[in-house]
Amino acid sequence: MNVHNNKILEILKREKVVTSSEIAKDLKISWNTADKYLLELAFEGKIIRIKKLGVNLWLLK
């Protein structure tokens, strides 16, 4: 697990629900990179993605 994934999990513990854009802004990375890290965490079963009106919402599993 990389450093960004740990930071993402910390943010999710604090915020409960976040978007890919919010993660990108918090970590100062591109939206595409943030989305890639979030998808990795979802694939590992650590977080859940909810698609809503063209926005990905992410929360801890």
N, C-alpha and C. Protein backbone atom coordinates (compact mmCIF):
# COMPACT_ATOMS: atom_id res chain seq x y z
N MET A 1 0.86 -1.19 0.00
CA MET A 1 0.00 0.00 0.00
C MET A 1 0.90 1.24 0.00
N ASN A 2 0.58 2.19 -0.86
CA ASN A 2 1.42 3.38 -0.93
C ASN A 2 0.98 4.45 0.06
N VAL A 3 1.78 5.48 0.16
CA VAL A 3 1.53 6.57 1.12
C VAL A 3 0.20 7.25 0.85
N HIS A 4 -0.12 7.45 -0.44
CA HIS A 4 -1.38 8.11 -0.78
C HIS A 4 -2.58 7.29 -0.30
N ASN A 5 -2.51 5.97 -0.44
CA ASN A 5 -3.63 5.14 0.00
C ASN A 5 -3.86 5.29 1.50
N ASN A 6 -2.79 5.36 2.28
CA ASN A 6 -2.93 5.56 3.73
C ASN A 6 -3.58 6.91 4.02
N LYS A 7 -3.17 7.94 3.29
CA LYS A 7 -3.75 9.27 3.49
C LYS A 7 -5.23 9.28 3.10
N ILE A 8 -5.56 8.58 2.04
CA ILE A 8 -6.96 8.49 1.60
C ILE A 8 -7.81 7.84 2.69
N LEU A 9 -7.31 6.75 3.27
CA LEU A 9 -8.06 6.07 4.34
C LEU A 9 -8.22 6.98 5.55
N GLU A 10 -7.20 7.77 5.88
CA GLU A 10 -7.30 8.72 6.99
C GLU A 10 -8.37 9.77 6.70
N ILE A 11 -8.39 10.27 5.49
CA ILE A 11 -9.40 11.27 5.10
C ILE A 11 -10.80 10.68 5.20
N LEU A 12 -10.96 9.44 4.73
CA LEU A 12 -12.28 8.80 4.79
C LEU A 12 -12.74 8.55 6.21
N LYS A 13 -11.83 8.23 7.11
CA LYS A 13 -12.20 8.05 8.53
C LYS A 13 -12.72 9.36 9.11
N ARG A 14 -12.13 10.46 8.66
CA ARG A 14 -12.51 11.78 9.17
C ARG A 14 -13.77 12.32 8.51
N GLU A 15 -13.86 12.19 7.19
CA GLU A 15 -14.94 12.82 6.42
C GLU A 15 -16.15 11.92 6.16
N LYS A 16 -15.99 10.63 6.28
CA LYS A 16 -17.04 9.62 6.03
C LYS A 16 -17.31 9.38 4.54
N VAL A 17 -17.63 10.44 3.77
CA VAL A 17 -17.92 10.31 2.34
C VAL A 17 -17.15 11.41 1.60
N VAL A 18 -16.45 11.01 0.53
CA VAL A 18 -15.70 11.99 -0.26
C VAL A 18 -15.87 11.70 -1.74
N THR A 19 -15.54 12.69 -2.56
CA THR A 19 -15.52 12.51 -4.01
C THR A 19 -14.07 12.38 -4.47
N SER A 20 -13.89 11.91 -5.68
CA SER A 20 -12.55 11.81 -6.25
C SER A 20 -11.90 13.19 -6.32
N SER A 21 -12.68 14.20 -6.65
CA SER A 21 -12.15 15.57 -6.75
C SER A 21 -11.66 16.08 -5.40
N GLU A 22 -12.38 15.77 -4.34
CA GLU A 22 -11.96 16.21 -3.01
C GLU A 22 -10.64 15.55 -2.61
N ILE A 23 -10.49 14.27 -2.93
CA ILE A 23 -9.25 13.57 -2.63
C ILE A 23 -8.10 14.18 -3.43
N ALA A 24 -8.34 14.44 -4.71
CA ALA A 24 -7.31 15.03 -5.57
C ALA A 24 -6.85 16.38 -5.00
N LYS A 25 -7.80 17.19 -4.57
CA LYS A 25 -7.48 18.50 -4.02
C LYS A 25 -6.70 18.37 -2.71
N ASP A 26 -7.16 17.49 -1.81
CA ASP A 26 -6.49 17.31 -0.51
C ASP A 26 -5.06 16.81 -0.67
N LEU A 27 -4.84 15.90 -1.61
CA LEU A 27 -3.51 15.30 -1.78
C LEU A 27 -2.66 16.03 -2.81
N LYS A 28 -3.23 17.06 -3.44
CA LYS A 28 -2.54 17.84 -4.47
C LYS A 28 -2.03 16.94 -5.61
N ILE A 29 -2.94 16.11 -6.10
CA ILE A 29 -2.67 15.23 -7.24
C ILE A 29 -3.80 15.41 -8.25
N SER A 30 -3.62 14.88 -9.45
CA SER A 30 -4.67 15.02 -10.47
C SER A 30 -5.88 14.16 -10.11
N TRP A 31 -7.02 14.52 -10.71
CA TRP A 31 -8.24 13.75 -10.49
C TRP A 31 -8.04 12.31 -10.94
N ASN A 32 -7.38 12.12 -12.10
CA ASN A 32 -7.16 10.77 -12.63
C ASN A 32 -6.34 9.92 -11.68
N THR A 33 -5.30 10.51 -11.10
CA THR A 33 -4.46 9.77 -10.15
C THR A 33 -5.25 9.43 -8.89
N ALA A 34 -6.01 10.38 -8.39
CA ALA A 34 -6.84 10.14 -7.20
C ALA A 34 -7.83 9.01 -7.47
N ASP A 35 -8.47 9.06 -8.63
CA ASP A 35 -9.46 8.04 -8.98
C ASP A 35 -8.79 6.66 -9.07
N LYS A 36 -7.57 6.62 -9.61
CA LYS A 36 -6.84 5.35 -9.71
C LYS A 36 -6.57 4.77 -8.32
N TYR A 37 -6.10 5.61 -7.39
CA TYR A 37 -5.84 5.14 -6.02
C TYR A 37 -7.13 4.67 -5.35
N LEU A 38 -8.21 5.42 -5.55
CA LEU A 38 -9.50 5.05 -4.96
C LEU A 38 -10.00 3.72 -5.52
N LEU A 39 -9.85 3.53 -6.82
CA LEU A 39 -10.27 2.26 -7.43
C LEU A 39 -9.44 1.09 -6.90
N GLU A 40 -8.15 1.32 -6.68
CA GLU A 40 -7.29 0.28 -6.09
C GLU A 40 -7.80 -0.12 -4.71
N LEU A 41 -8.13 0.89 -3.90
CA LEU A 41 -8.65 0.61 -2.55
C LEU A 41 -9.98 -0.13 -2.61
N ALA A 42 -10.82 0.23 -3.57
CA ALA A 42 -12.11 -0.45 -3.74
C ALA A 42 -11.88 -1.90 -4.15
N PHE A 43 -10.92 -2.11 -5.07
CA PHE A 43 -10.60 -3.47 -5.53
C PHE A 43 -10.08 -4.32 -4.38
N GLU A 44 -9.33 -3.71 -3.46
CA GLU A 44 -8.81 -4.41 -2.29
C GLU A 44 -9.88 -4.64 -1.23
N GLY A 45 -11.08 -4.08 -1.43
CA GLY A 45 -12.18 -4.28 -0.50
C GLY A 45 -12.15 -3.37 0.72
N LYS A 46 -11.38 -2.29 0.66
CA LYS A 46 -11.26 -1.39 1.81
C LYS A 46 -12.26 -0.25 1.78
N ILE A 47 -12.70 0.14 0.58
CA ILE A 47 -13.68 1.22 0.45
C ILE A 47 -14.76 0.81 -0.55
N ILE A 48 -15.84 1.58 -0.57
CA ILE A 48 -16.97 1.32 -1.46
C ILE A 48 -17.18 2.54 -2.35
N ARG A 49 -17.50 2.28 -3.62
CA ARG A 49 -17.83 3.37 -4.56
C ARG A 49 -19.33 3.37 -4.81
N ILE A 50 -19.92 4.55 -4.74
CA ILE A 50 -21.32 4.74 -5.09
C ILE A 50 -21.35 5.76 -6.22
N LYS A 51 -21.89 5.37 -7.38
CA LYS A 51 -22.02 6.30 -8.50
C LYS A 51 -23.36 7.01 -8.37
N LYS A 52 -23.30 8.33 -8.39
CA LYS A 52 -24.53 9.10 -8.26
C LYS A 52 -24.47 10.32 -9.16
N LEU A 53 -25.33 10.38 -10.15
CA LEU A 53 -25.42 11.51 -11.07
C LEU A 53 -24.06 11.94 -11.62
N GLY A 54 -23.29 10.97 -12.10
CA GLY A 54 -22.00 11.28 -12.72
C GLY A 54 -20.87 11.56 -11.75
N VAL A 55 -21.11 11.37 -10.45
CA VAL A 55 -20.08 11.62 -9.43
C VAL A 55 -19.83 10.32 -8.69
N ASN A 56 -18.55 10.03 -8.43
CA ASN A 56 -18.21 8.88 -7.61
C ASN A 56 -18.13 9.32 -6.16
N LEU A 57 -18.91 8.67 -5.32
CA LEU A 57 -18.83 8.91 -3.87
C LEU A 57 -18.10 7.72 -3.26
N TRP A 58 -17.16 7.97 -2.37
CA TRP A 58 -16.35 6.92 -1.78
C TRP A 58 -16.54 6.92 -0.27
N LEU A 59 -16.66 5.72 0.32
CA LEU A 59 -16.78 5.60 1.77
C LEU A 59 -16.11 4.32 2.22
N LEU A 60 -15.77 4.28 3.50
CA LEU A 60 -15.13 3.08 4.05
C LEU A 60 -16.10 1.93 4.05
N LYS A 61 -15.59 0.75 3.83
CA LYS A 61 -16.40 -0.45 3.83
C LYS A 61 -16.73 -0.85 5.26
